[in-house]
């Protein structure tokens, strides 16, 4: 994975590092610039707050390790809060958007069989369908216990949901847990993606709020400025 894609010459008290992985439509890296639903929001908030953002491209697994370590001063755009206990580990900004409704990416030929299921629980307990999951990804709370109970029959990989979508199209797995905003992108970009379909089952969560999450190593004064800028952007979007 590439190193920093944009460098800042701003003073330390006016700069903030964001680690980012290409993840459209939320975060899009092109020609050294970061945009997308969450990327644009952060850039706008930073401009309002007088902060210069240094976007550093990193693989998701490395970003997660760096967050858990907590010693580097940096932020990530687009993280959902599982519990208030996480506030002790990281700083969470005001919401910057949502991830969209949670659902399943499946093959069109299998869609009717999935739609006949009464709930997401039935998928895990009453079928032989094999799901694909990213090892270090954070999946919605309702799915975690179900996944633990049937862990051995599913496929776990270390790369990305893009790779899982490819495996789905190639009939190596039967479903991928995804959100409604990502599904059209997989269908458009993956070979054989036109044969994929999206659906949601009873018990799958609605769109989850996304936040900027920062390590506690980021100075409080900078966090306050960023949060204030995000509030301004949010208010403007609602007007």
Protein backbone atom coordinates (compact mmCIF):
# COMPACT_ATOMS: atom_id res chain seq x y z
CA UNK A 1 0.00 0.00 0.00
CA UNK A 2 1.26 3.45 -0.83
CA UNK A 3 2.58 5.89 1.75
CA UNK A 4 1.26 9.42 2.28
CA UNK A 5 -0.68 10.70 -0.70
CA UNK A 6 -0.69 14.31 0.41
CA UNK A 7 1.78 16.14 2.56
CA UNK A 8 1.17 19.16 4.75
CA UNK A 9 3.53 22.07 5.34
CA UNK A 10 1.17 23.59 7.92
CA UNK A 11 2.17 24.14 11.52
CA UNK A 12 1.62 21.17 13.81
CA UNK A 13 -1.18 22.92 15.69
CA UNK A 14 -3.08 23.38 12.42
CA UNK A 15 -2.60 19.95 10.86
CA UNK A 16 -4.24 16.58 11.34
CA UNK A 17 -3.41 13.17 9.89
CA UNK A 18 -6.15 10.91 8.50
CA UNK A 19 -5.34 7.32 7.57
CA UNK A 20 -7.52 6.14 4.69
CA UNK A 21 -8.23 3.16 2.46
CA UNK A 22 -9.97 3.51 -0.89
CA UNK A 23 -13.57 2.57 -0.07
CA UNK A 24 -16.09 4.14 -2.48
CA UNK A 25 -18.59 5.70 -2.27
CA UNK A 26 -17.47 6.79 1.20
CA UNK A 27 -13.75 7.41 0.64
CA UNK A 28 -12.33 7.70 -2.87
CA UNK A 29 -8.65 8.16 -3.66
CA UNK A 30 -7.81 9.47 -7.11
CA UNK A 31 -4.78 11.37 -8.38
CA UNK A 32 -3.55 12.06 -4.86
CA UNK A 33 -6.86 13.49 -3.67
CA UNK A 34 -9.43 12.05 -1.27
CA UNK A 35 -13.13 12.61 -1.88
CA UNK A 36 -16.31 10.57 -1.47
CA UNK A 37 -19.24 10.96 0.93
CA UNK A 38 -17.09 11.01 4.08
CA UNK A 39 -13.94 12.40 2.47
CA UNK A 40 -15.74 15.50 1.19
CA UNK A 41 -17.34 16.08 4.59
CA UNK A 42 -13.97 15.94 6.37
CA UNK A 43 -12.33 18.23 3.81
CA UNK A 44 -15.11 20.80 4.17
CA UNK A 45 -15.01 20.66 7.98
CA UNK A 46 -11.23 21.02 8.02
CA UNK A 47 -11.40 24.10 5.78
CA UNK A 48 -13.96 25.66 8.12
CA UNK A 49 -11.82 24.82 11.16
CA UNK A 50 -8.61 26.13 9.59
CA UNK A 51 -7.01 22.68 9.66
CA UNK A 52 -4.83 21.09 6.98
CA UNK A 53 -5.52 17.40 6.47
CA UNK A 54 -2.69 15.01 5.63
CA UNK A 55 -4.31 11.94 4.10
CA UNK A 56 -2.16 8.81 4.44
CA UNK A 57 -3.18 5.76 2.41
CA UNK A 58 -3.08 2.58 4.46
CA UNK A 59 -4.57 -0.92 4.23
CA UNK A 60 -7.61 -1.45 6.45
CA UNK A 61 -5.86 -4.06 8.61
CA UNK A 62 -3.00 -1.66 9.33
CA UNK A 63 -5.39 1.19 10.15
CA UNK A 64 -7.20 -1.07 12.62
CA UNK A 65 -3.93 -2.09 14.28
CA UNK A 66 -2.85 1.55 14.56
CA UNK A 67 -6.18 2.50 16.12
CA UNK A 68 -5.94 -0.31 18.64
CA UNK A 69 -2.37 0.71 19.48
CA UNK A 70 -3.46 4.32 19.97
CA UNK A 71 0.01 5.87 20.14
CA UNK A 72 -0.06 7.62 16.76
CA UNK A 73 -2.01 10.91 16.53
CA UNK A 74 -4.42 10.33 13.64
CA UNK A 75 -8.08 9.99 12.69
CA UNK A 76 -10.21 7.78 10.44
CA UNK A 77 -13.28 8.97 8.54
CA UNK A 78 -16.23 6.59 8.66
CA UNK A 79 -16.32 4.46 11.80
CA UNK A 80 -19.37 3.26 13.69
CA UNK A 81 -19.63 3.11 17.46
CA UNK A 82 -20.51 -0.29 18.88
CA UNK A 83 -20.88 0.94 22.46
CA UNK A 84 -20.27 3.98 24.68
CA UNK A 85 -17.38 2.05 26.24
CA UNK A 86 -15.37 2.85 23.12
CA UNK A 87 -15.36 6.51 24.15
CA UNK A 88 -12.72 5.55 26.71
CA UNK A 89 -10.41 4.30 23.97
CA UNK A 90 -11.02 6.77 21.13
CA UNK A 91 -12.56 10.14 20.39
CA UNK A 92 -15.73 9.99 18.28
CA UNK A 93 -16.87 13.04 16.32
CA UNK A 94 -20.48 14.05 15.74
CA UNK A 95 -22.09 11.81 13.05
CA UNK A 96 -20.85 12.50 9.53
CA UNK A 97 -23.41 10.33 7.71
CA UNK A 98 -24.60 6.73 7.58
CA UNK A 99 -23.38 3.52 6.00
CA UNK A 100 -26.73 2.62 4.53
CA UNK A 101 -29.01 -0.31 5.32
CA UNK A 102 -27.29 -3.59 6.10
CA UNK A 103 -28.09 -6.47 3.78
CA UNK A 104 -26.76 -9.35 1.74
CA UNK A 105 -25.02 -9.44 -1.61
CA UNK A 106 -25.99 -12.71 -3.29
CA UNK A 107 -26.16 -14.19 -6.76
CA UNK A 108 -29.35 -13.29 -8.63
CA UNK A 109 -30.05 -16.99 -9.21
CA UNK A 110 -30.14 -17.56 -5.42
CA UNK A 111 -32.06 -14.42 -4.48
CA UNK A 112 -35.46 -16.14 -4.14
CA UNK A 113 -34.01 -18.72 -1.74
CA UNK A 114 -32.62 -15.95 0.47
CA UNK A 115 -35.82 -13.90 0.29
CA UNK A 116 -37.77 -16.93 1.56
CA UNK A 117 -35.83 -16.87 4.84
CA UNK A 118 -37.76 -15.36 7.77
CA UNK A 119 -34.74 -13.65 9.33
CA UNK A 120 -30.97 -13.19 9.35
CA UNK A 121 -30.85 -15.70 12.21
CA UNK A 122 -32.40 -18.36 9.99
CA UNK A 123 -29.67 -17.79 7.41
CA UNK A 124 -27.00 -18.72 9.93
CA UNK A 125 -28.86 -21.51 11.75
CA UNK A 126 -31.13 -23.18 9.19
CA UNK A 127 -29.20 -23.15 5.90
CA UNK A 128 -25.97 -24.43 4.42
CA UNK A 129 -25.20 -21.15 2.66
CA UNK A 130 -21.53 -20.17 3.03
CA UNK A 131 -20.76 -16.53 3.74
CA UNK A 132 -17.59 -14.58 3.07
CA UNK A 133 -16.12 -12.25 5.71
CA UNK A 134 -13.07 -10.01 6.13
CA UNK A 135 -11.17 -11.23 9.17
CA UNK A 136 -10.65 -7.87 10.89
CA UNK A 137 -13.81 -6.13 9.69
CA UNK A 138 -16.33 -4.90 12.27
CA UNK A 139 -19.72 -6.45 11.57
CA UNK A 140 -23.02 -5.30 13.05
CA UNK A 141 -23.74 -6.44 16.59
CA UNK A 142 -26.82 -8.59 15.69
CA UNK A 143 -24.61 -10.73 13.44
CA UNK A 144 -21.70 -11.34 15.79
CA UNK A 145 -23.10 -14.16 17.94
CA UNK A 146 -24.66 -15.85 14.92
CA UNK A 147 -21.33 -15.70 13.14
CA UNK A 148 -19.43 -17.10 16.12
CA UNK A 149 -21.75 -20.11 16.32
CA UNK A 150 -21.25 -21.00 12.65
CA UNK A 151 -17.69 -19.71 12.21
CA UNK A 152 -16.21 -22.91 10.84
CA UNK A 153 -18.48 -23.18 7.80
CA UNK A 154 -17.73 -19.69 6.47
CA UNK A 155 -14.79 -18.24 4.57
CA UNK A 156 -12.62 -15.57 6.16
CA UNK A 157 -10.04 -13.61 4.16
CA UNK A 158 -7.55 -10.89 5.07
CA UNK A 159 -8.12 -8.55 2.14
CA UNK A 160 -11.37 -6.75 1.31
CA UNK A 161 -15.07 -6.91 0.45
CA UNK A 162 -14.10 -6.30 -3.19
CA UNK A 163 -12.33 -9.66 -3.15
CA UNK A 164 -15.34 -11.26 -1.45
CA UNK A 165 -17.61 -9.92 -4.19
CA UNK A 166 -15.32 -11.54 -6.76
CA UNK A 167 -15.49 -14.86 -4.89
CA UNK A 168 -19.28 -14.56 -4.77
CA UNK A 169 -19.52 -14.01 -8.52
CA UNK A 170 -17.24 -17.02 -9.04
CA UNK A 171 -19.53 -19.17 -6.82
CA UNK A 172 -16.88 -19.77 -4.17
CA UNK A 173 -19.21 -18.38 -1.48
CA UNK A 174 -22.97 -17.76 -1.33
CA UNK A 175 -23.36 -14.37 0.37
CA UNK A 176 -21.54 -11.30 1.63
CA UNK A 177 -22.87 -8.99 4.34
CA UNK A 178 -22.79 -5.54 2.75
CA UNK A 179 -24.70 -2.26 2.80
CA UNK A 180 -27.01 -0.89 0.17
CA UNK A 181 -24.62 1.89 -0.85
CA UNK A 182 -21.76 -0.50 -1.63
CA UNK A 183 -23.81 -3.12 -3.48
CA UNK A 184 -24.17 -1.14 -6.77
CA UNK A 185 -20.41 -0.51 -6.82
CA UNK A 186 -19.61 -4.20 -6.52
CA UNK A 187 -22.13 -4.99 -9.26
CA UNK A 188 -20.50 -2.45 -11.57
CA UNK A 189 -16.84 -3.21 -10.87
CA UNK A 190 -16.61 -6.96 -10.30
CA UNK A 191 -16.34 -9.37 -13.21
CA UNK A 192 -19.73 -11.07 -13.35
CA UNK A 193 -21.18 -8.42 -11.05
CA UNK A 194 -24.28 -8.04 -13.20
CA UNK A 195 -25.35 -11.44 -11.84
CA UNK A 196 -25.30 -10.18 -8.22
CA UNK A 197 -28.28 -8.87 -6.26
CA UNK A 198 -28.89 -7.09 -2.94
CA UNK A 199 -31.55 -7.85 -0.34
CA UNK A 200 -32.10 -7.32 3.37
CA UNK A 201 -33.55 -9.78 5.87
CA UNK A 202 -35.54 -9.28 9.06
CA UNK A 203 -33.17 -8.58 11.92
CA UNK A 204 -30.53 -6.78 9.85
CA UNK A 205 -29.85 -3.24 11.11
CA UNK A 206 -30.88 -0.07 9.35
CA UNK A 207 -28.24 2.46 8.33
CA UNK A 208 -25.67 2.93 11.07
CA UNK A 209 -24.27 6.34 11.94
CA UNK A 210 -20.70 6.96 10.83
CA UNK A 211 -18.23 9.10 12.76
CA UNK A 212 -14.69 10.35 12.54
CA UNK A 213 -12.75 8.36 15.11
CA UNK A 214 -9.42 9.63 16.44
CA UNK A 215 -6.82 8.27 18.81
CA UNK A 216 -6.47 10.02 22.15
CA UNK A 217 -2.97 11.02 20.99
CA UNK A 218 -4.55 13.81 18.86
CA UNK A 219 -4.49 17.10 20.83
CA UNK A 220 -7.86 17.98 22.36
CA UNK A 221 -7.77 21.47 20.86
CA UNK A 222 -7.54 20.05 17.32
CA UNK A 223 -10.35 17.58 18.01
CA UNK A 224 -12.57 20.40 19.23
CA UNK A 225 -11.89 22.44 16.08
CA UNK A 226 -12.63 19.48 13.82
CA UNK A 227 -15.85 18.64 15.65
CA UNK A 228 -17.00 22.26 15.40
CA UNK A 229 -16.30 22.24 11.65
CA UNK A 230 -18.25 18.99 11.24
CA UNK A 231 -21.22 20.50 13.09
CA UNK A 232 -21.22 23.44 10.68
CA UNK A 233 -21.16 21.11 7.66
CA UNK A 234 -23.96 19.02 9.15
CA UNK A 235 -26.12 22.06 9.81
CA UNK A 236 -25.56 23.41 6.29
CA UNK A 237 -26.59 20.06 4.80
CA UNK A 238 -29.85 20.14 6.74
CA UNK A 239 -30.84 23.62 5.61
